[in-house]
Amino acid sequence: MKYPIPSSFSRVCVGDIGTMHMNSALGFLMAHSPLGKTYHHLTGDDARNCASHSIMFVLDGAGKLCVGNVKNPTAEWQSLEDFAKMLQAGKATAFRAFRVKGSTPEQRYAAAKYWNEQVHNRPYDKVAYGRLIAKVIVGDIFPQAAGLEWAYYCTEGNERSWRLGGGIDVYRNLNPTPVTEIKRWKEGALEEL
C-alpha cells in the first residue's frame, strides 16, 4: 500500500491527529505483536506498517500550525516542514491524518489548547512503557491510565487533550495506542483527511 507524503497540510487544522509507523525499535515491536495483527485485520495493510506513533496538530507560540509531538525526552512543537522532511526521509511511514467526526472548530481548538497547556514541554512518560509493552503482548488488562500523571506518551497526550480539552471521549480508553486511533477510524469516530 502506498501512502502520500504530505508536502502541504492544507486539509488539516488545529486539533486534528495523525498516526504513523515509526522505523524504530518500538515500531518493530508493535508491528510484530498482536497490535500488528489487529492493524492488519483492520486495514488490510501489511503489519509492518502498524501505527506506532501519534501526533496532534496544534498552534506554536507564534500561532502557526505545527505538529505537537510527544517523544523522548519531552513533548515539543515540530514545524510542518520538519515533519514532512522526516516523512520524506523514511523515518516514519504509513502516515494518516484524522479529524474527530462531528467535532466543531471550537472543540478542535480546545483540544489543541489543552495539548499546548498540559502536554507541551512535559517529559515523555517512560514509566508507562512497562504497561504499554504488556498491552502490546497480552492486551489492555489495566483499566487505569498507565504511567505518571504529569508525563505523557504520544497517544495519551492526544486522548487527554480530546477528552479533557475538546470534551469528546473519542478514545474510550485510558491506555490508548496508535492502533486505538486506527480502531476508532474504522468504527467511524474519526474521519481520514
Protein backbone atom coordinates (compact mmCIF):
# COMPACT_ATOMS: atom_id res chain seq x y z
CA MET A 1 0.00 0.00 0.00
CA LYS A 2 1.40 3.40 -0.99
CA TYR A 3 0.93 6.40 1.28
CA PRO A 4 1.15 10.01 0.13
CA ILE A 5 3.88 12.06 1.74
CA PRO A 6 2.20 15.32 2.58
CA SER A 7 4.11 18.24 1.10
CA SER A 8 1.24 20.51 2.03
CA PHE A 9 -1.00 20.08 5.03
CA SER A 10 -3.83 22.12 3.54
CA ARG A 11 -6.60 19.79 4.79
CA VAL A 12 -5.50 19.54 8.43
CA CYS A 13 -6.38 22.04 11.09
CA VAL A 14 -5.81 22.58 14.77
CA GLY A 15 -6.92 19.58 16.84
CA ASP A 16 -6.58 17.00 14.07
CA ILE A 17 -4.48 13.95 14.86
CA GLY A 18 -2.12 11.76 12.91
CA THR A 19 -0.76 8.24 13.14
CA MET A 20 2.28 6.70 11.51
CA HIS A 21 4.65 3.79 11.72
CA MET A 22 7.99 4.85 13.17
CA ASN A 23 11.01 2.97 11.90
CA SER A 24 12.27 2.35 15.44
CA ALA A 25 12.62 -0.48 17.97
CA LEU A 26 9.15 0.25 19.39
CA GLY A 27 7.70 0.38 15.88
CA PHE A 28 9.25 -3.02 15.13
CA LEU A 29 7.91 -4.47 18.39
CA MET A 30 4.39 -3.18 17.73
CA ALA A 31 4.38 -4.45 14.15
CA HIS A 32 5.38 -7.94 15.30
CA SER A 33 2.89 -8.13 18.17
CA PRO A 34 -0.86 -8.68 18.48
CA LEU A 35 -1.25 -4.94 17.72
CA GLY A 36 0.34 -5.52 14.32
CA LYS A 37 -2.14 -8.32 13.66
CA THR A 38 -5.01 -6.06 14.74
CA TYR A 39 -3.73 -3.29 12.47
CA HIS A 40 -3.56 -5.74 9.53
CA HIS A 41 -7.05 -7.05 10.28
CA LEU A 42 -8.50 -3.52 10.45
CA THR A 43 -6.74 -2.05 7.41
CA GLY A 44 -5.70 -4.96 5.19
CA ASP A 45 -2.28 -3.30 5.19
CA ASP A 46 0.96 -5.13 5.98
CA ALA A 47 1.50 -5.39 9.75
CA ARG A 48 4.98 -3.93 9.19
CA ASN A 49 3.20 -0.59 8.66
CA CYS A 50 1.44 -0.85 12.04
CA ALA A 51 0.72 2.56 13.53
CA SER A 52 3.26 3.10 16.33
CA HIS A 53 3.25 6.86 16.92
CA SER A 54 0.66 9.64 17.14
CA ILE A 55 0.78 13.42 16.83
CA MET A 56 -1.67 16.30 17.16
CA PHE A 57 -1.83 19.41 15.01
CA VAL A 58 -1.59 22.47 17.29
CA LEU A 59 -0.53 26.12 17.15
CA ASP A 60 3.02 27.00 18.16
CA GLY A 61 3.91 30.02 20.30
CA ALA A 62 3.71 32.30 17.25
CA GLY A 63 0.23 31.00 16.35
CA LYS A 64 1.45 28.94 13.38
CA LEU A 65 0.03 25.47 12.67
CA CYS A 66 2.57 22.82 13.66
CA VAL A 67 2.85 19.24 14.90
CA GLY A 68 2.54 18.58 18.62
CA ASN A 69 4.93 15.66 19.02
CA VAL A 70 5.34 13.73 22.29
CA LYS A 71 8.66 11.94 22.12
CA ASN A 72 11.61 11.26 24.38
CA PRO A 73 12.68 13.35 26.28
CA THR A 74 9.84 15.95 26.07
CA ALA A 75 6.73 16.93 24.16
CA GLU A 76 7.62 19.57 21.58
CA TRP A 77 6.40 21.58 18.66
CA GLN A 78 7.68 20.48 15.27
CA SER A 79 7.21 22.62 12.18
CA LEU A 80 5.14 21.17 9.35
CA GLU A 81 8.22 21.49 7.13
CA ASP A 82 10.41 19.46 9.51
CA PHE A 83 7.66 16.88 9.94
CA ALA A 84 7.30 16.50 6.16
CA LYS A 85 11.10 16.13 5.84
CA MET A 86 11.04 13.37 8.47
CA LEU A 87 8.40 11.51 6.47
CA GLN A 88 10.27 12.04 3.20
CA ALA A 89 13.48 10.72 4.82
CA GLY A 90 11.65 7.47 5.64
CA LYS A 91 11.91 7.82 9.43
CA ALA A 92 8.15 7.25 9.51
CA THR A 93 5.78 5.62 7.03
CA ALA A 94 2.06 4.97 6.64
CA PHE A 95 1.08 8.47 7.81
CA ARG A 96 -2.64 9.13 8.14
CA ALA A 97 -4.37 12.31 9.35
CA PHE A 98 -7.74 12.19 11.10
CA ARG A 99 -10.40 14.55 12.36
CA VAL A 100 -12.71 13.70 15.25
CA LYS A 101 -16.02 13.11 13.50
CA GLY A 102 -18.68 15.65 14.39
CA SER A 103 -16.23 17.90 16.21
CA THR A 104 -16.68 21.64 15.93
CA PRO A 105 -13.83 24.08 15.23
CA GLU A 106 -14.20 25.23 18.86
CA GLN A 107 -13.75 21.68 20.17
CA ARG A 108 -10.72 21.13 17.94
CA TYR A 109 -9.21 24.40 19.15
CA ALA A 110 -9.94 23.46 22.80
CA ALA A 111 -8.25 20.05 22.36
CA ALA A 112 -5.17 21.70 20.81
CA LYS A 113 -5.16 24.36 23.53
CA TYR A 114 -5.19 21.62 26.18
CA TRP A 115 -2.27 19.92 24.39
CA ASN A 116 -0.31 23.18 24.43
CA GLU A 117 -1.07 23.94 28.08
CA GLN A 118 -0.88 20.46 29.61
CA VAL A 119 1.25 18.30 27.29
CA HIS A 120 3.77 20.62 25.59
CA ASN A 121 7.19 20.64 27.30
CA ARG A 122 6.19 17.79 29.64
CA PRO A 123 8.52 14.80 29.94
CA TYR A 124 7.93 11.63 27.98
CA ASP A 125 6.21 9.04 30.18
CA LYS A 126 8.87 6.33 30.33
CA VAL A 127 7.13 4.73 33.33
CA ALA A 128 4.15 3.85 31.13
CA TYR A 129 6.38 1.74 28.88
CA GLY A 130 6.08 -1.37 31.08
CA ARG A 131 2.31 -1.35 30.96
CA LEU A 132 2.24 -0.43 27.29
CA ILE A 133 4.58 -3.31 26.44
CA ALA A 134 2.29 -5.61 28.45
CA LYS A 135 -0.63 -4.24 26.41
CA VAL A 136 1.26 -4.93 23.20
CA ILE A 137 1.86 -8.53 24.28
CA VAL A 138 -1.31 -9.55 26.15
CA GLY A 139 -3.88 -6.82 25.61
CA ASP A 140 -5.36 -3.99 27.67
CA ILE A 141 -5.64 -5.51 31.14
CA PHE A 142 -5.21 -2.29 33.14
CA PRO A 143 -8.33 -0.11 33.49
CA GLN A 144 -6.49 2.93 34.89
CA ALA A 145 -4.05 5.07 32.96
CA ALA A 146 -0.52 3.72 32.74
CA GLY A 147 2.47 5.69 33.97
CA LEU A 148 2.80 9.08 35.59
CA GLU A 149 0.04 11.68 35.89
CA TRP A 150 2.34 14.58 34.98
CA ALA A 151 4.06 12.98 31.98
CA TYR A 152 2.72 11.73 28.65
CA TYR A 153 3.35 9.29 25.85
CA CYS A 154 2.18 10.17 22.35
CA THR A 155 -1.37 8.82 22.18
CA GLU A 156 -2.03 9.54 25.85
CA GLY A 157 -1.45 13.24 25.17
CA ASN A 158 -3.99 13.13 22.34
CA GLU A 159 -6.51 11.18 24.44
CA ARG A 160 -6.40 13.58 27.36
CA SER A 161 -6.43 16.61 25.07
CA TRP A 162 -9.61 15.43 23.38
CA ARG A 163 -11.35 14.08 26.48
CA LEU A 164 -10.46 16.90 28.87
CA GLY A 165 -9.93 19.78 26.41
CA GLY A 166 -12.21 19.08 23.47
CA GLY A 167 -14.91 17.42 25.57
CA ILE A 168 -15.17 14.29 23.38
CA ASP A 169 -14.07 10.89 24.68
CA VAL A 170 -13.17 9.60 21.24
CA TYR A 171 -10.65 7.06 22.56
CA ARG A 172 -12.85 5.41 25.25
CA ASN A 173 -9.59 4.02 26.65
CA LEU A 174 -7.16 5.47 29.20
CA ASN A 175 -4.24 3.48 27.75
CA PRO A 176 -4.63 4.13 24.02
CA THR A 177 -2.08 3.24 21.39
CA PRO A 178 -1.89 4.49 17.82
CA VAL A 179 -3.77 1.31 16.89
CA THR A 180 -6.62 2.60 19.08
CA GLU A 181 -6.82 5.55 16.68
CA ILE A 182 -6.99 3.14 13.73
CA LYS A 183 -9.81 1.25 15.50
CA ARG A 184 -11.76 4.46 16.13
CA TRP A 185 -11.30 5.41 12.46
CA LYS A 186 -12.69 2.08 11.34
CA GLU A 187 -15.59 2.43 13.82
CA GLY A 188 -16.43 5.84 12.35
CA ALA A 189 -15.40 8.06 15.29
CA LEU A 190 -12.53 9.52 13.25
CA GLU A 191 -12.61 10.58 9.62
CA GLU A 192 -9.50 10.32 7.46
CA LEU A 193 -8.39 13.55 5.82
